[in-house]
């Protein structure tokens, strides 16, 4: 299982995204980042986000 905490990306947000694979986590994180935080998820930003994903 993999996990991404929005707070780890520097946001004052309690969202936690979990998935079995990195692709599953990113598929959930991208719309959250765009809709909730108004971010455009560029390839560079996606790489930064991937670096914050942890195994749990």
PDB file of N, CA and C in Angstrom:
ATOM      1  N   UNK A   1       0.854  -1.178   0.000  1.00  0.00           N
ATOM      2  CA  UNK A   1       0.000   0.000   0.000  1.00  0.00           C
ATOM      3  C   UNK A   1       0.894   1.233   0.000  1.00  0.00           C
ATOM      4  N   UNK A   2       0.496   2.230  -0.768  1.00  0.00           N
ATOM      5  CA  UNK A   2       1.217   3.497  -0.850  1.00  0.00           C
ATOM      6  C   UNK A   2       0.301   4.607  -0.353  1.00  0.00           C
ATOM      7  N   UNK A   3       0.926   5.671   0.170  1.00  0.00           N
ATOM      8  CA  UNK A   3       0.151   6.744   0.780  1.00  0.00           C
ATOM      9  C   UNK A   3       0.810   8.092   0.488  1.00  0.00           C
ATOM     10  N   UNK A   4      -0.033   9.084   0.255  1.00  0.00           N
ATOM     11  CA  UNK A   4       0.412  10.468   0.081  1.00  0.00           C
ATOM     12  C   UNK A   4      -0.434  11.343   0.987  1.00  0.00           C
ATOM     13  N   UNK A   5       0.226  12.075   1.865  1.00  0.00           N
ATOM     14  CA  UNK A   5      -0.461  13.024   2.743  1.00  0.00           C
ATOM     15  C   UNK A   5      -0.301  14.413   2.147  1.00  0.00           C
ATOM     16  N   UNK A   6      -1.390  15.098   1.986  1.00  0.00           N
ATOM     17  CA  UNK A   6      -1.370  16.424   1.399  1.00  0.00           C
ATOM     18  C   UNK A   6      -0.475  17.367   2.221  1.00  0.00           C
ATOM     19  N   UNK A   7      -0.486  17.205   3.520  1.00  0.00           N
ATOM     20  CA  UNK A   7       0.351  18.041   4.388  1.00  0.00           C
ATOM     21  C   UNK A   7       1.834  17.891   4.049  1.00  0.00           C
ATOM     22  N   UNK A   8       2.231  16.698   3.615  1.00  0.00           N
ATOM     23  CA  UNK A   8       3.636  16.487   3.243  1.00  0.00           C
ATOM     24  C   UNK A   8       4.032  17.314   2.022  1.00  0.00           C
ATOM     25  N   UNK A   9       3.040  17.736   1.253  1.00  0.00           N
ATOM     26  CA  UNK A   9       3.294  18.577   0.083  1.00  0.00           C
ATOM     27  C   UNK A   9       3.247  20.065   0.451  1.00  0.00           C
ATOM     28  N   UNK A  10       3.048  20.339   1.744  1.00  0.00           N
ATOM     29  CA  UNK A  10       3.087  21.722   2.216  1.00  0.00           C
ATOM     30  C   UNK A  10       1.747  22.419   2.306  1.00  0.00           C
ATOM     31  N   UNK A  11       0.675  21.671   2.189  1.00  0.00           N
ATOM     32  CA  UNK A  11      -0.660  22.270   2.260  1.00  0.00           C
ATOM     33  C   UNK A  11      -1.281  22.068   3.630  1.00  0.00           C
ATOM     34  N   UNK A  12      -2.093  23.026   4.056  1.00  0.00           N
ATOM     35  CA  UNK A  12      -2.858  22.911   5.292  1.00  0.00           C
ATOM     36  C   UNK A  12      -4.133  22.143   4.950  1.00  0.00           C
ATOM     37  N   UNK A  13      -3.961  20.842   4.762  1.00  0.00           N
ATOM     38  CA  UNK A  13      -5.036  19.991   4.252  1.00  0.00           C
ATOM     39  C   UNK A  13      -4.865  18.594   4.837  1.00  0.00           C
ATOM     40  N   UNK A  14      -5.939  18.014   5.311  1.00  0.00           N
ATOM     41  CA  UNK A  14      -5.887  16.697   5.945  1.00  0.00           C
ATOM     42  C   UNK A  14      -6.094  15.537   4.979  1.00  0.00           C
ATOM     43  N   UNK A  15      -6.152  15.812   3.687  1.00  0.00           N
ATOM     44  CA  UNK A  15      -6.393  14.748   2.713  1.00  0.00           C
ATOM     45  C   UNK A  15      -5.245  13.736   2.712  1.00  0.00           C
ATOM     46  N   UNK A  16      -5.618  12.473   2.617  1.00  0.00           N
ATOM     47  CA  UNK A  16      -4.659  11.376   2.499  1.00  0.00           C
ATOM     48  C   UNK A  16      -5.137  10.499   1.354  1.00  0.00           C
ATOM     49  N   UNK A  17      -4.243  10.226   0.421  1.00  0.00           N
ATOM     50  CA  UNK A  17      -4.557   9.401  -0.733  1.00  0.00           C
ATOM     51  C   UNK A  17      -3.810   8.090  -0.586  1.00  0.00           C
ATOM     52  N   UNK A  18      -4.525   6.979  -0.766  1.00  0.00           N
ATOM     53  CA  UNK A  18      -3.903   5.658  -0.655  1.00  0.00           C
ATOM     54  C   UNK A  18      -4.238   4.832  -1.886  1.00  0.00           C
ATOM     55  N   UNK A  19      -3.299   3.978  -2.253  1.00  0.00           N
ATOM     56  CA  UNK A  19      -3.516   3.081  -3.370  1.00  0.00           C
ATOM     57  C   UNK A  19      -2.492   1.970  -3.345  1.00  0.00           C
ATOM     58  N   UNK A  20      -2.749   0.927  -4.102  1.00  0.00           N
ATOM     59  CA  UNK A  20      -1.827  -0.203  -4.166  1.00  0.00           C
ATOM     60  C   UNK A  20      -0.591   0.115  -4.998  1.00  0.00           C
ATOM     61  N   UNK A  21      -0.722   1.047  -5.937  1.00  0.00           N
ATOM     62  CA  UNK A  21       0.390   1.383  -6.824  1.00  0.00           C
ATOM     63  C   UNK A  21       0.565   2.895  -6.883  1.00  0.00           C
ATOM     64  N   UNK A  22       1.720   3.307  -7.383  1.00  0.00           N
ATOM     65  CA  UNK A  22       1.974   4.732  -7.579  1.00  0.00           C
ATOM     66  C   UNK A  22       0.950   5.321  -8.541  1.00  0.00           C
ATOM     67  N   UNK A  23       0.607   4.582  -9.590  1.00  0.00           N
ATOM     68  CA  UNK A  23      -0.384   5.069 -10.555  1.00  0.00           C
ATOM     69  C   UNK A  23      -1.734   5.327  -9.899  1.00  0.00           C
ATOM     70  N   UNK A  24      -2.151   4.445  -8.988  1.00  0.00           N
ATOM     71  CA  UNK A  24      -3.429   4.636  -8.287  1.00  0.00           C
ATOM     72  C   UNK A  24      -3.389   5.892  -7.421  1.00  0.00           C
ATOM     73  N   UNK A  25      -2.278   6.086  -6.718  1.00  0.00           N
ATOM     74  CA  UNK A  25      -2.145   7.275  -5.871  1.00  0.00           C
ATOM     75  C   UNK A  25      -2.173   8.539  -6.726  1.00  0.00           C
ATOM     76  N   UNK A  26      -1.418   8.541  -7.800  1.00  0.00           N
ATOM     77  CA  UNK A  26      -1.359   9.729  -8.655  1.00  0.00           C
ATOM     78  C   UNK A  26      -2.702  10.005  -9.329  1.00  0.00           C
ATOM     79  N   UNK A  27      -3.442   8.968  -9.669  1.00  0.00           N
ATOM     80  CA  UNK A  27      -4.755   9.143 -10.295  1.00  0.00           C
ATOM     81  C   UNK A  27      -5.727   9.846  -9.349  1.00  0.00           C
ATOM     82  N   UNK A  28      -5.534   9.676  -8.051  1.00  0.00           N
ATOM     83  CA  UNK A  28      -6.381  10.351  -7.067  1.00  0.00           C
ATOM     84  C   UNK A  28      -5.815  11.716  -6.679  1.00  0.00           C
ATOM     85  N   UNK A  29      -4.487  11.807  -6.617  1.00  0.00           N
ATOM     86  CA  UNK A  29      -3.846  13.047  -6.174  1.00  0.00           C
ATOM     87  C   UNK A  29      -4.002  14.166  -7.199  1.00  0.00           C
ATOM     88  N   UNK A  30      -3.922  13.830  -8.478  1.00  0.00           N
ATOM     89  CA  UNK A  30      -3.994  14.861  -9.523  1.00  0.00           C
ATOM     90  C   UNK A  30      -5.299  15.660  -9.450  1.00  0.00           C
ATOM     91  N   UNK A  31      -6.473  15.021  -9.460  1.00  0.00           N
ATOM     92  CA  UNK A  31      -7.702  15.829  -9.400  1.00  0.00           C
ATOM     93  C   UNK A  31      -7.836  16.590  -8.080  1.00  0.00           C
ATOM     94  N   UNK A  32      -7.347  16.013  -6.990  1.00  0.00           N
ATOM     95  CA  UNK A  32      -7.402  16.717  -5.700  1.00  0.00           C
ATOM     96  C   UNK A  32      -6.567  17.997  -5.785  1.00  0.00           C
ATOM     97  N   UNK A  33      -5.345  17.879  -6.287  1.00  0.00           N
ATOM     98  CA  UNK A  33      -4.465  19.046  -6.398  1.00  0.00           C
ATOM     99  C   UNK A  33      -5.076  20.114  -7.291  1.00  0.00           C
ATOM    100  N   UNK A  34      -5.684  19.697  -8.375  1.00  0.00           N
ATOM    101  CA  UNK A  34      -6.270  20.652  -9.323  1.00  0.00           C
ATOM    102  C   UNK A  34      -7.541  21.292  -8.785  1.00  0.00           C
ATOM    103  N   UNK A  35      -8.440  20.480  -8.243  1.00  0.00           N
ATOM    104  CA  UNK A  35      -9.752  20.981  -7.817  1.00  0.00           C
ATOM    105  C   UNK A  35      -9.716  21.692  -6.471  1.00  0.00           C
ATOM    106  N   UNK A  36      -8.984  21.126  -5.511  1.00  0.00           N
ATOM    107  CA  UNK A  36      -8.988  21.688  -4.162  1.00  0.00           C
ATOM    108  C   UNK A  36      -7.949  22.793  -4.009  1.00  0.00           C
ATOM    109  N   UNK A  37      -6.767  22.591  -4.604  1.00  0.00           N
ATOM    110  CA  UNK A  37      -5.674  23.541  -4.400  1.00  0.00           C
ATOM    111  C   UNK A  37      -5.402  24.428  -5.613  1.00  0.00           C
ATOM    112  N   UNK A  38      -6.129  24.204  -6.703  1.00  0.00           N
ATOM    113  CA  UNK A  38      -5.985  25.050  -7.878  1.00  0.00           C
ATOM    114  C   UNK A  38      -4.632  24.933  -8.564  1.00  0.00           C
ATOM    115  N   UNK A  39      -3.978  23.793  -8.429  1.00  0.00           N
ATOM    116  CA  UNK A  39      -2.664  23.581  -9.026  1.00  0.00           C
ATOM    117  C   UNK A  39      -2.765  22.930 -10.390  1.00  0.00           C
ATOM    118  N   UNK A  40      -1.900  23.340 -11.282  1.00  0.00           N
ATOM    119  CA  UNK A  40      -1.732  22.625 -12.537  1.00  0.00           C
ATOM    120  C   UNK A  40      -0.657  21.580 -12.292  1.00  0.00           C
ATOM    121  N   UNK A  41      -0.976  20.327 -12.511  1.00  0.00           N
ATOM    122  CA  UNK A  41      -0.019  19.253 -12.252  1.00  0.00           C
ATOM    123  C   UNK A  41       0.801  19.023 -13.520  1.00  0.00           C
ATOM    124  N   UNK A  42       1.906  19.741 -13.584  1.00  0.00           N
ATOM    125  CA  UNK A  42       2.846  19.613 -14.698  1.00  0.00           C
ATOM    126  C   UNK A  42       3.678  18.348 -14.493  1.00  0.00           C
ATOM    127  N   UNK A  43       4.388  17.910 -15.501  1.00  0.00           N
ATOM    128  CA  UNK A  43       5.267  16.741 -15.303  1.00  0.00           C
ATOM    129  C   UNK A  43       6.286  16.959 -14.174  1.00  0.00           C
ATOM    130  N   UNK A  44       6.785  18.173 -14.050  1.00  0.00           N
ATOM    131  CA  UNK A  44       7.741  18.471 -12.984  1.00  0.00           C
ATOM    132  C   UNK A  44       7.088  18.366 -11.610  1.00  0.00           C
ATOM    133  N   UNK A  45       5.885  18.924 -11.499  1.00  0.00           N
ATOM    134  CA  UNK A  45       5.178  18.863 -10.212  1.00  0.00           C
ATOM    135  C   UNK A  45       4.783  17.424  -9.897  1.00  0.00           C
ATOM    136  N   UNK A  46       4.380  16.656 -10.901  1.00  0.00           N
ATOM    137  CA  UNK A  46       4.036  15.248 -10.690  1.00  0.00           C
ATOM    138  C   UNK A  46       5.249  14.485 -10.150  1.00  0.00           C
ATOM    139  N   UNK A  47       6.436  14.796 -10.656  1.00  0.00           N
ATOM    140  CA  UNK A  47       7.655  14.135 -10.174  1.00  0.00           C
ATOM    141  C   UNK A  47       7.900  14.489  -8.710  1.00  0.00           C
ATOM    142  N   UNK A  48       7.650  15.745  -8.344  1.00  0.00           N
ATOM    143  CA  UNK A  48       7.811  16.155  -6.938  1.00  0.00           C
ATOM    144  C   UNK A  48       6.815  15.405  -6.051  1.00  0.00           C
ATOM    145  N   UNK A  49       5.584  15.307  -6.515  1.00  0.00           N
ATOM    146  CA  UNK A  49       4.546  14.618  -5.747  1.00  0.00           C
ATOM    147  C   UNK A  49       4.909  13.143  -5.583  1.00  0.00           C
ATOM    148  N   UNK A  50       5.375  12.521  -6.650  1.00  0.00           N
ATOM    149  CA  UNK A  50       5.779  11.111  -6.572  1.00  0.00           C
ATOM    150  C   UNK A  50       6.839  10.896  -5.492  1.00  0.00           C
ATOM    151  N   UNK A  51       7.704  11.857  -5.320  1.00  0.00           N
ATOM    152  CA  UNK A  51       8.751  11.764  -4.302  1.00  0.00           C
ATOM    153  C   UNK A  51       8.231  11.795  -2.879  1.00  0.00           C
ATOM    154  N   UNK A  52       6.986  12.215  -2.700  1.00  0.00           N
ATOM    155  CA  UNK A  52       6.382  12.304  -1.360  1.00  0.00           C
ATOM    156  C   UNK A  52       5.564  11.072  -0.996  1.00  0.00           C
ATOM    157  N   UNK A  53       5.346  10.199  -1.958  1.00  0.00           N
ATOM    158  CA  UNK A  53       4.548   8.998  -1.718  1.00  0.00           C
ATOM    159  C   UNK A  53       5.360   8.013  -0.888  1.00  0.00           C
ATOM    160  N   UNK A  54       4.743   7.479   0.145  1.00  0.00           N
ATOM    161  CA  UNK A  54       5.405   6.547   1.075  1.00  0.00           C
ATOM    162  C   UNK A  54       4.744   5.184   1.035  1.00  0.00           C
ATOM    163  N   UNK A  55       5.531   4.163   1.288  1.00  0.00           N
ATOM    164  CA  UNK A  55       4.987   2.820   1.477  1.00  0.00           C
ATOM    165  C   UNK A  55       4.468   2.709   2.900  1.00  0.00           C
ATOM    166  N   UNK A  56       3.274   2.149   3.052  1.00  0.00           N
ATOM    167  CA  UNK A  56       2.701   1.954   4.404  1.00  0.00           C
ATOM    168  C   UNK A  56       2.293   0.506   4.581  1.00  0.00           C
TER     169      UNK A  56
END
